[in-house]
C-alpha atoms as a PDB file:
ATOM      1  CA  MET A   1       0.000   0.000   0.000  1.00  0.00           C
ATOM      2  CA  ALA A   2       1.519   3.308  -1.094  1.00  0.00           C
ATOM      3  CA  THR A   3       1.449   6.219   1.254  1.00  0.00           C
ATOM      4  CA  THR A   4       1.192   9.764   0.149  1.00  0.00           C
ATOM      5  CA  ALA A   5       3.133  12.471   1.848  1.00  0.00           C
ATOM      6  CA  SER A   6       1.111  15.141   3.511  1.00  0.00           C
ATOM      7  CA  PRO A   7       1.231  18.434   1.686  1.00  0.00           C
ATOM      8  CA  ASP A   8       3.766  20.994   2.794  1.00  0.00           C
ATOM      9  CA  PRO A   9       1.911  23.768   4.661  1.00  0.00           C
ATOM     10  CA  LYS A  10       3.973  26.293   2.681  1.00  0.00           C
ATOM     11  CA  ASP A  11       2.287  25.011  -0.498  1.00  0.00           C
ATOM     12  CA  GLU A  12      -1.220  25.729   0.776  1.00  0.00           C
ATOM     13  CA  ALA A  13      -2.472  29.193  -0.026  1.00  0.00           C
ATOM     14  CA  LEU A  14      -3.690  31.175   2.917  1.00  0.00           C
ATOM     15  CA  TRP A  15      -6.203  33.293   1.045  1.00  0.00           C
ATOM     16  CA  LEU A  16      -6.606  36.879   2.052  1.00  0.00           C
ATOM     17  CA  THR A  17      -9.637  38.018   3.960  1.00  0.00           C
ATOM     18  CA  PRO A  18     -11.581  40.870   2.361  1.00  0.00           C
ATOM     19  CA  ALA A  19      -9.942  43.353   4.767  1.00  0.00           C
ATOM     20  CA  GLU A  20      -6.470  41.957   4.061  1.00  0.00           C
ATOM     21  CA  LYS A  21      -7.107  42.072   0.317  1.00  0.00           C
ATOM     22  CA  GLU A  22      -8.245  45.695   0.572  1.00  0.00           C
ATOM     23  CA  ALA A  23      -5.079  46.613   2.530  1.00  0.00           C
ATOM     24  CA  TRP A  24      -2.819  44.727   0.121  1.00  0.00           C
ATOM     25  CA  THR A  25      -4.347  46.057  -3.095  1.00  0.00           C
ATOM     26  CA  GLY A  26      -4.291  49.583  -1.677  1.00  0.00           C
ATOM     27  CA  LEU A  27      -0.599  49.270  -0.829  1.00  0.00           C
ATOM     28  CA  VAL A  28       0.473  47.653  -4.093  1.00  0.00           C
ATOM     29  CA  SER A  29      -1.409  50.211  -6.159  1.00  0.00           C
ATOM     30  CA  LEU A  30       0.412  53.002  -4.296  1.00  0.00           C
ATOM     31  CA  VAL A  31       3.774  51.277  -4.670  1.00  0.00           C
ATOM     32  CA  LEU A  32       3.236  51.025  -8.425  1.00  0.00           C
ATOM     33  CA  LEU A  33       1.552  54.397  -8.950  1.00  0.00           C
ATOM     34  CA  LEU A  34       3.511  56.859  -6.813  1.00  0.00           C
ATOM     35  CA  PRO A  35       7.018  56.533  -8.306  1.00  0.00           C
ATOM     36  CA  GLY A  36       5.807  57.543 -11.772  1.00  0.00           C
ATOM     37  CA  ARG A  37       3.735  60.398 -10.419  1.00  0.00           C
ATOM     38  CA  LEU A  38       6.654  61.655  -8.334  1.00  0.00           C
ATOM     39  CA  GLU A  39       9.111  61.248 -11.203  1.00  0.00           C
ATOM     40  CA  SER A  40       7.136  62.989 -13.940  1.00  0.00           C
ATOM     41  CA  PRO A  41       7.504  66.552 -12.571  1.00  0.00           C
ATOM     42  CA  LEU A  42      11.185  65.923 -11.774  1.00  0.00           C
ATOM     43  CA  GLN A  43      11.787  64.784 -15.343  1.00  0.00           C
ATOM     44  CA  HIS A  44       9.936  67.782 -16.731  1.00  0.00           C
ATOM     45  CA  ASP A  45      11.433  70.468 -14.481  1.00  0.00           C
ATOM     46  CA  ALA A  46      14.915  69.121 -13.687  1.00  0.00           C
ATOM     47  CA  GLY A  47      15.628  66.325 -16.179  1.00  0.00           C
ATOM     48  CA  LEU A  48      16.087  63.845 -13.316  1.00  0.00           C
ATOM     49  CA  THR A  49      14.580  60.469 -12.567  1.00  0.00           C
ATOM     50  CA  LEU A  50      13.264  59.888  -9.063  1.00  0.00           C
ATOM     51  CA  PHE A  51      16.213  57.556  -8.365  1.00  0.00           C
ATOM     52  CA  GLU A  52      18.666  60.208  -9.552  1.00  0.00           C
ATOM     53  CA  TYR A  53      17.019  62.876  -7.405  1.00  0.00           C
ATOM     54  CA  LEU A  54      17.014  60.618  -4.333  1.00  0.00           C
ATOM     55  CA  THR A  55      20.677  59.793  -4.920  1.00  0.00           C
ATOM     56  CA  LEU A  56      21.663  63.467  -5.069  1.00  0.00           C
ATOM     57  CA  SER A  57      19.375  64.346  -2.181  1.00  0.00           C
ATOM     58  CA  HIS A  58      20.794  61.702   0.158  1.00  0.00           C
ATOM     59  CA  ILE A  59      24.355  62.794  -0.560  1.00  0.00           C
ATOM     60  CA  SER A  60      23.384  66.447  -0.042  1.00  0.00           C
ATOM     61  CA  GLU A  61      21.988  65.656   3.413  1.00  0.00           C
ATOM     62  CA  ALA A  62      25.028  63.635   4.552  1.00  0.00           C
ATOM     63  CA  PRO A  63      27.808  65.141   6.657  1.00  0.00           C
ATOM     64  CA  GLU A  64      30.253  66.969   4.378  1.00  0.00           C
ATOM     65  CA  ARG A  65      27.983  65.903   1.484  1.00  0.00           C
ATOM     66  CA  ARG A  66      29.757  62.508   1.348  1.00  0.00           C
ATOM     67  CA  LEU A  67      28.399  58.971   1.667  1.00  0.00           C
ATOM     68  CA  ARG A  68      29.706  55.477   1.166  1.00  0.00           C
ATOM     69  CA  MET A  69      28.313  54.020  -2.033  1.00  0.00           C
ATOM     70  CA  SER A  70      26.934  50.995  -0.149  1.00  0.00           C
ATOM     71  CA  GLU A  71      25.001  53.224   2.263  1.00  0.00           C
ATOM     72  CA  LEU A  72      23.802  55.382  -0.604  1.00  0.00           C
ATOM     73  CA  ALA A  73      22.507  52.308  -2.459  1.00  0.00           C
ATOM     74  CA  TYR A  74      20.541  51.328   0.648  1.00  0.00           C
ATOM     75  CA  LEU A  75      19.119  54.823   1.163  1.00  0.00           C
ATOM     76  CA  ALA A  76      18.164  55.267  -2.492  1.00  0.00           C
ATOM     77  CA  ASN A  77      16.760  51.725  -2.572  1.00  0.00           C
ATOM     78  CA  GLY A  78      18.833  50.589  -5.530  1.00  0.00           C
ATOM     79  CA  SER A  79      21.491  48.025  -6.292  1.00  0.00           C
ATOM     80  CA  LEU A  80      25.151  48.972  -6.165  1.00  0.00           C
ATOM     81  CA  SER A  81      25.454  48.361  -9.905  1.00  0.00           C
ATOM     82  CA  ARG A  82      22.512  50.652 -10.707  1.00  0.00           C
ATOM     83  CA  LEU A  83      23.906  53.288  -8.372  1.00  0.00           C
ATOM     84  CA  SER A  84      27.387  52.985  -9.892  1.00  0.00           C
ATOM     85  CA  ASN A  85      25.972  53.660 -13.352  1.00  0.00           C
ATOM     86  CA  VAL A  86      24.081  56.727 -12.130  1.00  0.00           C
ATOM     87  CA  VAL A  87      27.064  58.068 -10.184  1.00  0.00           C
ATOM     88  CA  LYS A  88      29.299  57.536 -13.215  1.00  0.00           C
ATOM     89  CA  ARG A  89      26.960  59.788 -15.241  1.00  0.00           C
ATOM     90  CA  PHE A  90      26.973  62.308 -12.392  1.00  0.00           C
ATOM     91  CA  GLU A  91      30.780  62.285 -12.404  1.00  0.00           C
ATOM     92  CA  GLN A  92      30.773  62.990 -16.135  1.00  0.00           C
ATOM     93  CA  ARG A  93      28.485  65.982 -15.502  1.00  0.00           C
ATOM     94  CA  GLY A  94      30.690  67.223 -12.661  1.00  0.00           C
ATOM     95  CA  TRP A  95      28.033  66.660  -9.992  1.00  0.00           C
ATOM     96  CA  VAL A  96      29.704  63.901  -7.946  1.00  0.00           C
ATOM     97  CA  GLU A  97      33.245  62.761  -7.250  1.00  0.00           C
ATOM     98  CA  ARG A  98      34.173  59.280  -6.077  1.00  0.00           C
ATOM     99  CA  SER A  99      37.172  58.435  -3.912  1.00  0.00           C
ATOM    100  CA  PRO A 100      38.347  55.666  -1.584  1.00  0.00           C
ATOM    101  CA  ASP A 101      37.109  56.048   1.986  1.00  0.00           C
ATOM    102  CA  PRO A 102      40.124  57.237   4.014  1.00  0.00           C
ATOM    103  CA  GLU A 103      38.779  55.382   7.076  1.00  0.00           C
ATOM    104  CA  ASP A 104      38.489  52.071   5.209  1.00  0.00           C
ATOM    105  CA  GLY A 105      39.831  51.787   1.675  1.00  0.00           C
ATOM    106  CA  ARG A 106      37.504  48.870   0.912  1.00  0.00           C
ATOM    107  CA  TYR A 107      34.688  51.398   0.572  1.00  0.00           C
ATOM    108  CA  THR A 108      34.119  54.113  -1.990  1.00  0.00           C
ATOM    109  CA  LEU A 109      32.767  57.530  -1.067  1.00  0.00           C
ATOM    110  CA  ALA A 110      30.491  59.592  -3.278  1.00  0.00           C
ATOM    111  CA  ALA A 111      30.881  63.323  -2.668  1.00  0.00           C
ATOM    112  CA  LEU A 112      28.556  65.962  -4.029  1.00  0.00           C
ATOM    113  CA  THR A 113      30.274  68.841  -5.821  1.00  0.00           C
ATOM    114  CA  ASP A 114      29.006  72.400  -5.650  1.00  0.00           C
ATOM    115  CA  ALA A 115      27.513  71.917  -9.130  1.00  0.00           C
ATOM    116  CA  GLY A 116      25.708  68.770  -7.957  1.00  0.00           C
ATOM    117  CA  TYR A 117      24.446  70.569  -4.885  1.00  0.00           C
ATOM    118  CA  ASP A 118      23.055  73.322  -7.118  1.00  0.00           C
ATOM    119  CA  VAL A 119      21.198  70.683  -9.165  1.00  0.00           C
ATOM    120  CA  VAL A 120      19.544  69.071  -6.146  1.00  0.00           C
ATOM    121  CA  VAL A 121      18.672  72.445  -4.588  1.00  0.00           C
ATOM    122  CA  ALA A 122      17.032  73.515  -7.859  1.00  0.00           C
ATOM    123  CA  ALA A 123      15.061  70.248  -8.122  1.00  0.00           C
ATOM    124  CA  ALA A 124      13.992  70.071  -4.465  1.00  0.00           C
ATOM    125  CA  PRO A 125      10.994  72.437  -4.663  1.00  0.00           C
ATOM    126  CA  THR A 126       9.481  70.380  -7.500  1.00  0.00           C
ATOM    127  CA  HIS A 127       9.930  67.174  -5.527  1.00  0.00           C
ATOM    128  CA  VAL A 128       8.568  68.630  -2.279  1.00  0.00           C
ATOM    129  CA  ARG A 129       5.525  70.023  -4.095  1.00  0.00           C
ATOM    130  CA  SER A 130       4.784  66.580  -5.528  1.00  0.00           C
ATOM    131  CA  VAL A 131       5.278  64.828  -2.186  1.00  0.00           C
ATOM    132  CA  ARG A 132       2.935  67.281  -0.487  1.00  0.00           C
ATOM    133  CA  GLU A 133       0.296  67.129  -3.215  1.00  0.00           C
ATOM    134  CA  LEU A 134       0.336  63.366  -3.746  1.00  0.00           C
ATOM    135  CA  VAL A 135       1.084  62.033  -0.260  1.00  0.00           C
ATOM    136  CA  LEU A 136       1.005  64.438   2.660  1.00  0.00           C
ATOM    137  CA  ASP A 137      -1.735  66.999   1.987  1.00  0.00           C
ATOM    138  CA  PRO A 138      -4.585  64.452   1.725  1.00  0.00           C
ATOM    139  CA  LEU A 139      -3.606  62.995   5.138  1.00  0.00           C
ATOM    140  CA  THR A 140      -4.316  64.225   8.632  1.00  0.00           C
ATOM    141  CA  ASP A 141      -1.480  64.441  11.164  1.00  0.00           C
ATOM    142  CA  ASP A 142      -2.700  61.129  12.627  1.00  0.00           C
ATOM    143  CA  ASP A 143      -2.718  59.564   9.141  1.00  0.00           C
ATOM    144  CA  GLN A 144       0.858  60.735   8.549  1.00  0.00           C
ATOM    145  CA  GLN A 145       1.989  59.270  11.866  1.00  0.00           C
ATOM    146  CA  ALA A 146       0.234  55.992  11.071  1.00  0.00           C
ATOM    147  CA  LEU A 147       1.812  55.903   7.610  1.00  0.00           C
ATOM    148  CA  ALA A 148       5.265  56.457   9.131  1.00  0.00           C
ATOM    149  CA  ARG A 149       4.695  53.653  11.678  1.00  0.00           C
ATOM    150  CA  ILE A 150       3.435  51.242   9.029  1.00  0.00           C
ATOM    151  CA  ALA A 151       6.269  52.049   6.618  1.00  0.00           C
ATOM    152  CA  GLU A 152       8.840  51.509   9.384  1.00  0.00           C
ATOM    153  CA  LYS A 153       7.291  48.159  10.326  1.00  0.00           C
ATOM    154  CA  LEU A 154       7.268  46.915   6.760  1.00  0.00           C
ATOM    155  CA  ARG A 155      10.703  48.291   5.901  1.00  0.00           C
ATOM    156  CA  THR A 156      12.543  46.866   8.925  1.00  0.00           C
ATOM    157  CA  ARG A 157      10.821  43.497   9.328  1.00  0.00           C
ATOM    158  CA  PRO A 158      13.183  40.575   8.705  1.00  0.00           C
ATOM    159  CA  VAL A 159      11.962  38.474   5.799  1.00  0.00           C
ATOM    160  CA  ASP A 160      12.526  34.741   5.406  1.00  0.00           C
ATOM    161  CA  LEU A 161      11.127  33.638   2.066  1.00  0.00           C
ATOM    162  CA  ALA A 162      12.819  30.235   2.186  1.00  0.00           C
END
């Protein structure tokens, strides 16, 4: 008599409740919709993608306008290879300079030049207007606090997909 193995619980779908489905579809639609809506004005007004703006912005806010490339990739939510390509273009435009980290030569620093700082300062009002219009203005203070809490929970939760 052959025995059949019991199914792996990981293979069984745990279908979403209506409330869970509403939360999930609301989140995924925002995740897919917002980047394009935030990027369009930046492209039009400053000729920058959202990723490029975030890259410049994070460097501009760092001490001495310098960041390790690995930290910058994390902050801008991009791979090191994608970031390297963007920073290479920025170097060619005179906006960023790369150098070995004097504290640990295994790392590379990206430093914003004065010209790069001027670019991000010029683009910032467009970005802030879009963030306010698309994200912050429709929310109450309590909504904004809840959004920040939820984003932090989702962003910092360890994930084991194995």
